[in-house]
Every structure is written in structure tokens, then in C-alpha cells.
Amino acid sequence: MSSPAVTVIVPGRDVAAFAAEALGSLRAQTLDTWRAILVDDGSVDDTRRLFADAASADPRFLFLAHDEPRGLGAARNSGLDLVDTPYTAFLDADDRLRPQALERLTSVLDSSGSDFVVGAYVRLRPDADGPGYTPSAVQPWVTAATDPARTGTTLAEHPAASGNIVAWSKASRTDFWHAHGLRFPEGRYYEDQVVAQRMYTLARRFDVVPDVVVEWRERRDHSSITQRLSEIEVLRDYLEALGEGIALLRAAGATAAVAERGRLIRALDLPPLLRIAETHPDPAYGIALEAFLETLPA
């Protein structure tokens, strides 16, 4: 087998119900020159065993464990410390890669020489009448960021790309991470926001493709962080991450991207939060939202 071209960092905590699908989606890749670092972040369910068994059965998997939970950012950073392949990608252990994802993303970078490539993604929603999950359609903001395909673009040329803030729909040159000391924030939620905007503002150029590369799971039990925005602690981290991302764009002089982020946040992020605030028992929830609105670009 050829030397690995891409390392996929797969963090997970208490995701035993979904991890087998995530690992299966890696095994099903049309590109076979991948390596995956499986990082168990202090799970108390069967996640650690599933990761360890996968590594024992397939040398392409490397298993790493945190004895105590340290958070998604720390788990990803632990994986980053071990990457020695030309490309780096991410997959959360409750999501699924499409079969051609790694082949498509790495082949684009092979051809373009860009710092990273961004692909599209869809929600994996629970079925109403059964235990399964079904992929939804590509959402408009995802389409705006990734369709049509662009090679060697910049944030000035394509400011709508800044709306794609997730780590797991991208593949990057590992040297790009090293050159800029990119790391995920630790000890907080919504780790992707700041890292994504740093990537866009630091890149010499990047690529986008409309291909769906990841299916992002919306859990039936609403236990994922993105489904817990009624909790004030989660809300505050969310608003702080949004604000930091905009501040990074503004500091880089990315005026058009700042406007795009403001427009998208007002259209997409704020309406459900405002609905929660209307009936939330703690007035601090609405106060936090109002304070954030005062800073948001018009």
C-alpha cells in the first residue's frame, strides 16, 4: 500500500451508538491511502472499546485516549500532534463521510496547490417513524459557500465561503496548520468558528467544491452541543465564538466577509435563539442575546 496521503482526526466522547457508522464510512472510502487517529475523550460508554478494536483490526487506525474528558478542541489537538501526512482532515465520530469524500478533497488539493479545500455537507436527520437517519438536502448557506466550484480563490473574491465554519467539511495541507500554529480552542464549545475564520484569513488561496463530503448527524436525543442552545452556558460560548470569528475577519480587513457573516447570522442563527428567549425562564438568556445583537454587523 502507498504511504498515507491524509490523516483524518476522529474525536469522540460517549458516541458508541454512532461510532461504528463513522468508522465504516472511513473503510468505505474510494481513496485507500488514509490514516485515522481515533481520540476517545474520556468516554464512559463503549466508545473506547470500539476505537481500540478498530485500531487492533486495521493498521490504518491509530487509537489515542484521554483518561478524563477534555473537550472536543483538546481531542482534536491531541490528534493534530500526531499527524505526519501531507493532508489533514476531520470527522466527528457521530457523523459519516461520503464514500468519495477523501478522494475528491485530496485530488483537488493535488491539482490546485491551495492551502485547503472546502466541501458541502448535509444534515443526517432522525427518521420520524423508525430508528434510522436520513440525509437531508444541501442547505442554502452551504450552497452559497461551495457552489459553484472555485479553485485558488480568496476570501476577498468569495466572501460567502466564510459561512462554512465546520472543521469536518475541509481537507488542508498539514504544513498550513504548522506554518500558522493553528490549534483548536480548549475548554469551550463551538471550537470550529475561530479556527475557520483564521484559516480563511491566513490562506494564500483555497478551493471550494459543491460535492457533499459529510453527513452531519442531528441526534434523536438532542444531546449534541448544537442541539443544546437553550442552555445559557452553551449560548454564551456560541455567541462568543461568533463574535470572535467576526472580529478576526474585521482585523484582516475582510469587509465583505464581515457583512456576509452578519447577514447569515441574522438570517440563520438568531431567529431560533430569539424564539427560545421569548419563553426562557432566565432573563439572562435574553440579555446575552441583546448584548450580542448590539455588536453584530448590520
Protein backbone atom coordinates (compact mmCIF):
# COMPACT_ATOMS: atom_id res chain seq x y z
CA MET A 1 0.00 0.00 0.00
CA SER A 2 1.19 3.53 -0.78
CA SER A 3 2.17 5.89 2.01
CA PRO A 4 -0.84 7.59 3.62
CA ALA A 5 -1.81 10.85 1.95
CA VAL A 6 -4.29 12.16 4.50
CA THR A 7 -4.84 11.77 8.22
CA VAL A 8 -8.42 12.02 9.46
CA ILE A 9 -8.74 13.04 13.11
CA VAL A 10 -11.81 11.39 14.66
CA PRO A 11 -12.65 12.60 18.18
CA GLY A 12 -15.49 11.11 20.16
CA ARG A 13 -16.99 11.02 23.64
CA ASP A 14 -19.83 8.67 24.51
CA VAL A 15 -20.77 8.08 20.88
CA ALA A 16 -20.86 4.29 20.88
CA ALA A 17 -24.28 4.35 19.23
CA PHE A 18 -22.83 6.08 16.16
CA ALA A 19 -19.09 5.35 16.06
CA ALA A 20 -19.42 2.14 14.04
CA GLU A 21 -21.03 4.12 11.19
CA ALA A 22 -18.30 6.75 11.28
CA LEU A 23 -15.57 4.11 11.15
CA GLY A 24 -17.43 2.23 8.44
CA SER A 25 -17.58 5.38 6.34
CA LEU A 26 -13.78 5.58 6.53
CA ARG A 27 -13.34 1.96 5.50
CA ALA A 28 -15.67 2.59 2.54
CA GLN A 29 -13.55 5.43 1.10
CA THR A 30 -12.61 5.15 -2.55
CA LEU A 31 -9.21 6.55 -1.54
CA ASP A 32 -7.34 3.90 0.43
CA THR A 33 -4.25 5.95 1.33
CA TRP A 34 -5.72 7.38 4.52
CA ARG A 35 -4.90 7.09 8.19
CA ALA A 36 -7.32 7.88 11.02
CA ILE A 37 -6.46 8.93 14.57
CA LEU A 38 -9.30 7.86 16.86
CA VAL A 39 -9.33 10.00 20.01
CA ASP A 40 -11.55 8.83 22.84
CA ASP A 41 -12.21 11.81 25.09
CA GLY A 42 -12.87 10.10 28.42
CA SER A 43 -15.95 8.13 27.37
CA VAL A 44 -17.95 6.16 29.92
CA ASP A 45 -19.82 4.13 27.31
CA ASP A 46 -18.39 1.65 24.79
CA THR A 47 -16.68 4.23 22.56
CA ARG A 48 -13.19 3.47 23.84
CA ARG A 49 -13.53 -0.24 23.16
CA LEU A 50 -14.89 0.37 19.67
CA PHE A 51 -11.98 2.66 18.85
CA ALA A 52 -9.41 0.27 20.33
CA ASP A 53 -10.88 -2.72 18.49
CA ALA A 54 -10.81 -0.82 15.21
CA ALA A 55 -7.13 0.01 15.69
CA SER A 56 -6.33 -3.61 16.55
CA ALA A 57 -8.06 -4.89 13.42
CA ASP A 58 -6.88 -2.29 10.87
CA PRO A 59 -3.42 -0.67 10.90
CA ARG A 60 -4.84 2.45 9.26
CA PHE A 61 -6.49 3.32 12.58
CA LEU A 62 -4.43 4.73 15.45
CA PHE A 63 -6.05 4.80 18.89
CA LEU A 64 -5.49 7.54 21.45
CA ALA A 65 -7.35 8.00 24.76
CA HIS A 66 -7.88 10.80 27.26
CA ASP A 67 -8.43 9.35 30.73
CA GLU A 68 -10.70 12.29 31.61
CA PRO A 69 -12.91 14.34 29.30
CA ARG A 70 -11.03 17.39 27.98
CA GLY A 71 -13.42 18.56 25.28
CA LEU A 72 -13.61 18.38 21.51
CA GLY A 73 -10.92 21.03 20.96
CA ALA A 74 -8.40 19.19 23.12
CA ALA A 75 -9.23 15.87 21.47
CA ARG A 76 -8.63 17.33 18.03
CA ASN A 77 -5.39 18.95 19.18
CA SER A 78 -4.16 15.62 20.53
CA GLY A 79 -4.75 14.16 17.10
CA LEU A 80 -3.04 17.08 15.38
CA ASP A 81 0.12 16.38 17.38
CA LEU A 82 0.45 13.01 15.63
CA VAL A 83 -0.24 13.97 12.01
CA ASP A 84 2.68 13.29 9.64
CA THR A 85 0.85 13.05 6.30
CA PRO A 86 0.65 15.77 3.62
CA TYR A 87 -3.04 16.42 4.28
CA THR A 88 -5.20 16.71 7.40
CA ALA A 89 -8.96 16.25 7.68
CA PHE A 90 -11.53 15.78 10.45
CA LEU A 91 -14.58 13.63 11.11
CA ASP A 92 -16.63 13.74 14.29
CA ALA A 93 -17.38 10.21 15.46
CA ASP A 94 -21.16 10.62 15.24
CA ASP A 95 -21.07 11.72 11.59
CA ARG A 96 -20.40 9.95 8.27
CA LEU A 97 -18.14 10.60 5.31
CA ARG A 98 -19.50 10.10 1.83
CA PRO A 99 -17.52 7.35 0.04
CA GLN A 100 -15.66 9.65 -2.37
CA ALA A 101 -15.01 12.42 0.17
CA LEU A 102 -11.29 11.93 0.77
CA GLU A 103 -10.52 11.15 -2.87
CA ARG A 104 -12.33 14.26 -4.04
CA LEU A 105 -10.82 16.64 -1.48
CA THR A 106 -7.23 15.44 -1.78
CA SER A 107 -7.32 15.27 -5.57
CA VAL A 108 -8.43 18.91 -5.70
CA LEU A 109 -5.53 19.94 -3.48
CA ASP A 110 -3.11 17.83 -5.51
CA SER A 111 -4.13 19.78 -8.61
CA SER A 112 -4.56 23.27 -7.19
CA GLY A 113 -1.72 23.69 -4.72
CA SER A 114 -4.11 25.62 -2.47
CA ASP A 115 -3.87 25.63 1.34
CA PHE A 116 -7.20 23.87 1.90
CA VAL A 117 -10.42 22.82 0.20
CA VAL A 118 -13.98 23.17 1.44
CA GLY A 119 -16.77 20.74 0.54
CA ALA A 120 -20.52 20.73 1.07
CA TYR A 121 -22.37 18.82 3.78
CA VAL A 122 -25.90 17.77 4.70
CA ARG A 123 -27.81 17.11 7.89
CA LEU A 124 -28.40 13.49 8.85
CA ARG A 125 -31.85 13.73 10.40
CA PRO A 126 -33.67 11.12 12.53
CA ASP A 127 -36.50 9.31 10.77
CA ALA A 128 -39.93 10.19 12.12
CA ASP A 129 -41.21 6.61 12.05
CA GLY A 130 -38.16 4.49 12.77
CA PRO A 131 -34.76 4.25 14.44
CA GLY A 132 -32.75 5.29 11.39
CA TYR A 133 -31.39 8.56 9.99
CA THR A 134 -31.80 10.01 6.51
CA PRO A 135 -29.64 12.66 4.81
CA SER A 136 -31.41 15.92 4.01
CA ALA A 137 -30.83 18.31 1.11
CA VAL A 138 -27.91 20.73 0.97
CA GLN A 139 -28.89 23.90 2.83
CA PRO A 140 -28.78 27.29 1.03
CA TRP A 141 -25.92 28.71 3.10
CA VAL A 142 -23.83 25.62 2.35
CA THR A 143 -24.54 26.02 -1.34
CA ALA A 144 -23.57 29.69 -1.18
CA ALA A 145 -20.19 28.75 0.29
CA THR A 146 -19.34 25.84 -2.00
CA ASP A 147 -21.24 26.07 -5.31
CA PRO A 148 -20.01 26.57 -7.98
CA ALA A 149 -16.57 25.02 -7.65
CA ARG A 150 -13.75 27.52 -7.33
CA THR A 151 -10.02 26.85 -7.49
CA GLY A 152 -7.40 29.13 -5.96
CA THR A 153 -9.89 31.63 -4.60
CA THR A 154 -9.57 34.05 -1.68
CA LEU A 155 -11.92 35.50 0.91
CA ALA A 156 -11.90 38.82 -0.95
CA GLU A 157 -13.08 37.05 -4.12
CA HIS A 158 -15.50 34.69 -2.38
CA PRO A 159 -16.64 36.16 0.98
CA ALA A 160 -19.59 33.74 1.25
CA ALA A 161 -17.09 30.95 1.97
CA SER A 162 -16.82 32.35 5.50
CA GLY A 163 -20.24 30.84 6.19
CA ASN A 164 -18.71 27.35 6.15
CA ILE A 165 -17.20 27.24 9.63
CA VAL A 166 -17.09 23.49 10.30
CA ALA A 167 -13.79 21.62 10.54
CA TRP A 168 -15.06 18.36 9.11
CA SER A 169 -16.02 19.55 5.62
CA LYS A 170 -12.45 20.58 4.81
CA ALA A 171 -9.12 18.99 3.98
CA SER A 172 -5.95 21.03 4.46
CA ARG A 173 -2.27 20.89 3.80
CA THR A 174 -0.71 19.83 7.08
CA ASP A 175 2.08 22.36 6.50
CA PHE A 176 -0.55 25.10 6.55
CA TRP A 177 -1.51 24.14 10.12
CA HIS A 178 2.14 24.04 11.18
CA ALA A 179 3.13 27.30 9.50
CA HIS A 180 0.44 29.25 11.33
CA GLY A 181 0.36 27.33 14.60
CA LEU A 182 -3.31 26.53 14.14
CA ARG A 183 -4.93 24.86 17.13
CA PHE A 184 -8.48 24.50 18.39
CA PRO A 185 -9.58 26.46 21.48
CA GLU A 186 -9.86 24.24 24.53
CA GLY A 187 -12.26 24.37 27.44
CA ARG A 188 -15.13 25.86 25.41
CA TYR A 189 -17.83 24.91 22.95
CA TYR A 190 -18.01 25.83 19.23
CA GLU A 191 -14.32 25.30 18.59
CA ASP A 192 -14.67 25.49 14.82
CA GLN A 193 -15.73 29.11 14.44
CA VAL A 194 -12.46 30.88 15.28
CA VAL A 195 -10.26 28.29 13.56
CA ALA A 196 -12.29 28.51 10.35
CA GLN A 197 -12.00 32.29 10.13
CA ARG A 198 -8.29 32.11 10.87
CA MET A 199 -7.92 29.64 8.02
CA TYR A 200 -9.80 31.86 5.57
CA THR A 201 -7.85 34.98 6.51
CA LEU A 202 -4.43 33.27 6.57
CA ALA A 203 -4.75 31.25 3.37
CA ARG A 204 -2.85 32.28 0.26
CA ARG A 205 -5.70 30.65 -1.62
CA PHE A 206 -8.29 27.93 -1.05
CA ASP A 207 -10.68 25.82 -3.12
CA VAL A 208 -14.38 25.03 -2.81
CA VAL A 209 -16.33 22.11 -4.29
CA PRO A 210 -20.09 21.53 -4.32
CA ASP A 211 -19.70 17.81 -3.64
CA VAL A 212 -21.31 16.62 -0.39
CA VAL A 213 -18.49 15.13 1.65
CA VAL A 214 -20.03 14.72 5.12
CA GLU A 215 -23.37 13.80 6.65
CA TRP A 216 -23.70 15.72 9.92
CA ARG A 217 -25.88 13.93 12.44
CA GLU A 218 -28.75 15.62 14.23
CA ARG A 219 -29.15 13.30 17.19
CA ARG A 220 -32.57 11.99 18.07
CA ASP A 221 -31.98 12.58 21.80
CA HIS A 222 -30.82 16.20 21.23
CA SER A 223 -27.59 15.51 23.13
CA SER A 224 -25.14 17.17 20.73
CA ILE A 225 -23.85 20.65 21.55
CA THR A 226 -25.55 22.22 18.52
CA GLN A 227 -28.88 20.97 19.91
CA ARG A 228 -28.38 22.44 23.42
CA LEU A 229 -28.58 26.15 22.68
CA SER A 230 -31.30 26.65 25.28
CA GLU A 231 -28.60 26.24 27.95
CA ILE A 232 -27.16 29.61 28.92
CA GLU A 233 -23.59 28.31 29.21
CA VAL A 234 -23.79 26.87 25.70
CA LEU A 235 -25.38 30.06 24.36
CA ARG A 236 -22.64 32.25 25.80
CA ASP A 237 -19.89 30.14 24.24
CA TYR A 238 -21.78 30.17 20.95
CA LEU A 239 -22.17 33.95 20.88
CA GLU A 240 -18.56 34.45 21.95
CA ALA A 241 -17.35 32.20 19.12
CA LEU A 242 -19.49 34.03 16.58
CA GLY A 243 -18.18 37.36 17.81
CA GLU A 244 -14.54 36.25 17.77
CA GLY A 245 -14.92 34.96 14.23
CA ILE A 246 -16.28 38.30 13.05
CA ALA A 247 -13.50 40.14 14.91
CA LEU A 248 -10.88 38.07 13.10
CA LEU A 249 -12.43 38.88 9.74
CA ARG A 250 -12.63 42.56 10.61
CA ALA A 251 -9.00 42.66 11.79
CA ALA A 252 -7.92 41.10 8.50
CA GLY A 253 -9.74 43.76 6.52
CA ALA A 254 -12.21 41.23 5.11
CA THR A 255 -15.04 43.75 4.93
CA ALA A 256 -17.23 41.79 2.54
CA ALA A 257 -16.90 38.64 4.64
CA VAL A 258 -17.85 40.59 7.79
CA ALA A 259 -21.02 41.72 6.03
CA GLU A 260 -21.73 38.17 4.85
CA ARG A 261 -21.34 36.77 8.35
CA GLY A 262 -23.60 39.44 9.82
CA ARG A 263 -26.27 38.75 7.21
CA LEU A 264 -26.08 34.98 7.66
CA ILE A 265 -26.13 35.11 11.46
CA ARG A 266 -29.18 37.37 11.42
CA ALA A 267 -30.98 35.10 8.95
CA LEU A 268 -29.95 31.71 10.28
CA ASP A 269 -28.63 31.78 13.84
CA LEU A 270 -30.67 34.46 15.56
CA PRO A 271 -34.33 33.52 14.82
CA PRO A 272 -34.32 30.23 16.79
CA LEU A 273 -32.38 31.86 19.63
CA LEU A 274 -34.88 34.71 19.85
CA ARG A 275 -37.72 32.20 19.97
CA ILE A 276 -36.02 30.42 22.86
CA ALA A 277 -35.52 33.75 24.65
CA GLU A 278 -39.25 34.52 24.47
CA THR A 279 -40.08 31.70 26.89
CA HIS A 280 -36.77 31.12 28.65
CA PRO A 281 -37.18 31.17 32.45
CA ASP A 282 -33.88 33.02 32.99
CA PRO A 283 -33.82 36.65 31.78
CA ALA A 284 -30.04 36.37 31.43
CA TYR A 285 -30.65 34.45 28.20
CA GLY A 286 -32.37 37.36 26.51
CA ILE A 287 -29.87 39.85 27.94
CA ALA A 288 -26.97 37.90 26.45
CA LEU A 289 -28.69 37.90 23.07
CA GLU A 290 -29.39 41.63 23.18
CA ALA A 291 -25.77 42.39 24.04
CA PHE A 292 -24.59 40.30 21.11
CA LEU A 293 -27.03 41.99 18.71
CA GLU A 294 -25.51 45.37 19.56
CA THR A 295 -22.14 44.18 18.22
CA LEU A 296 -23.44 42.39 15.12
CA PRO A 297 -22.78 44.00 11.72
CA ALA A 298 -25.95 45.38 10.15
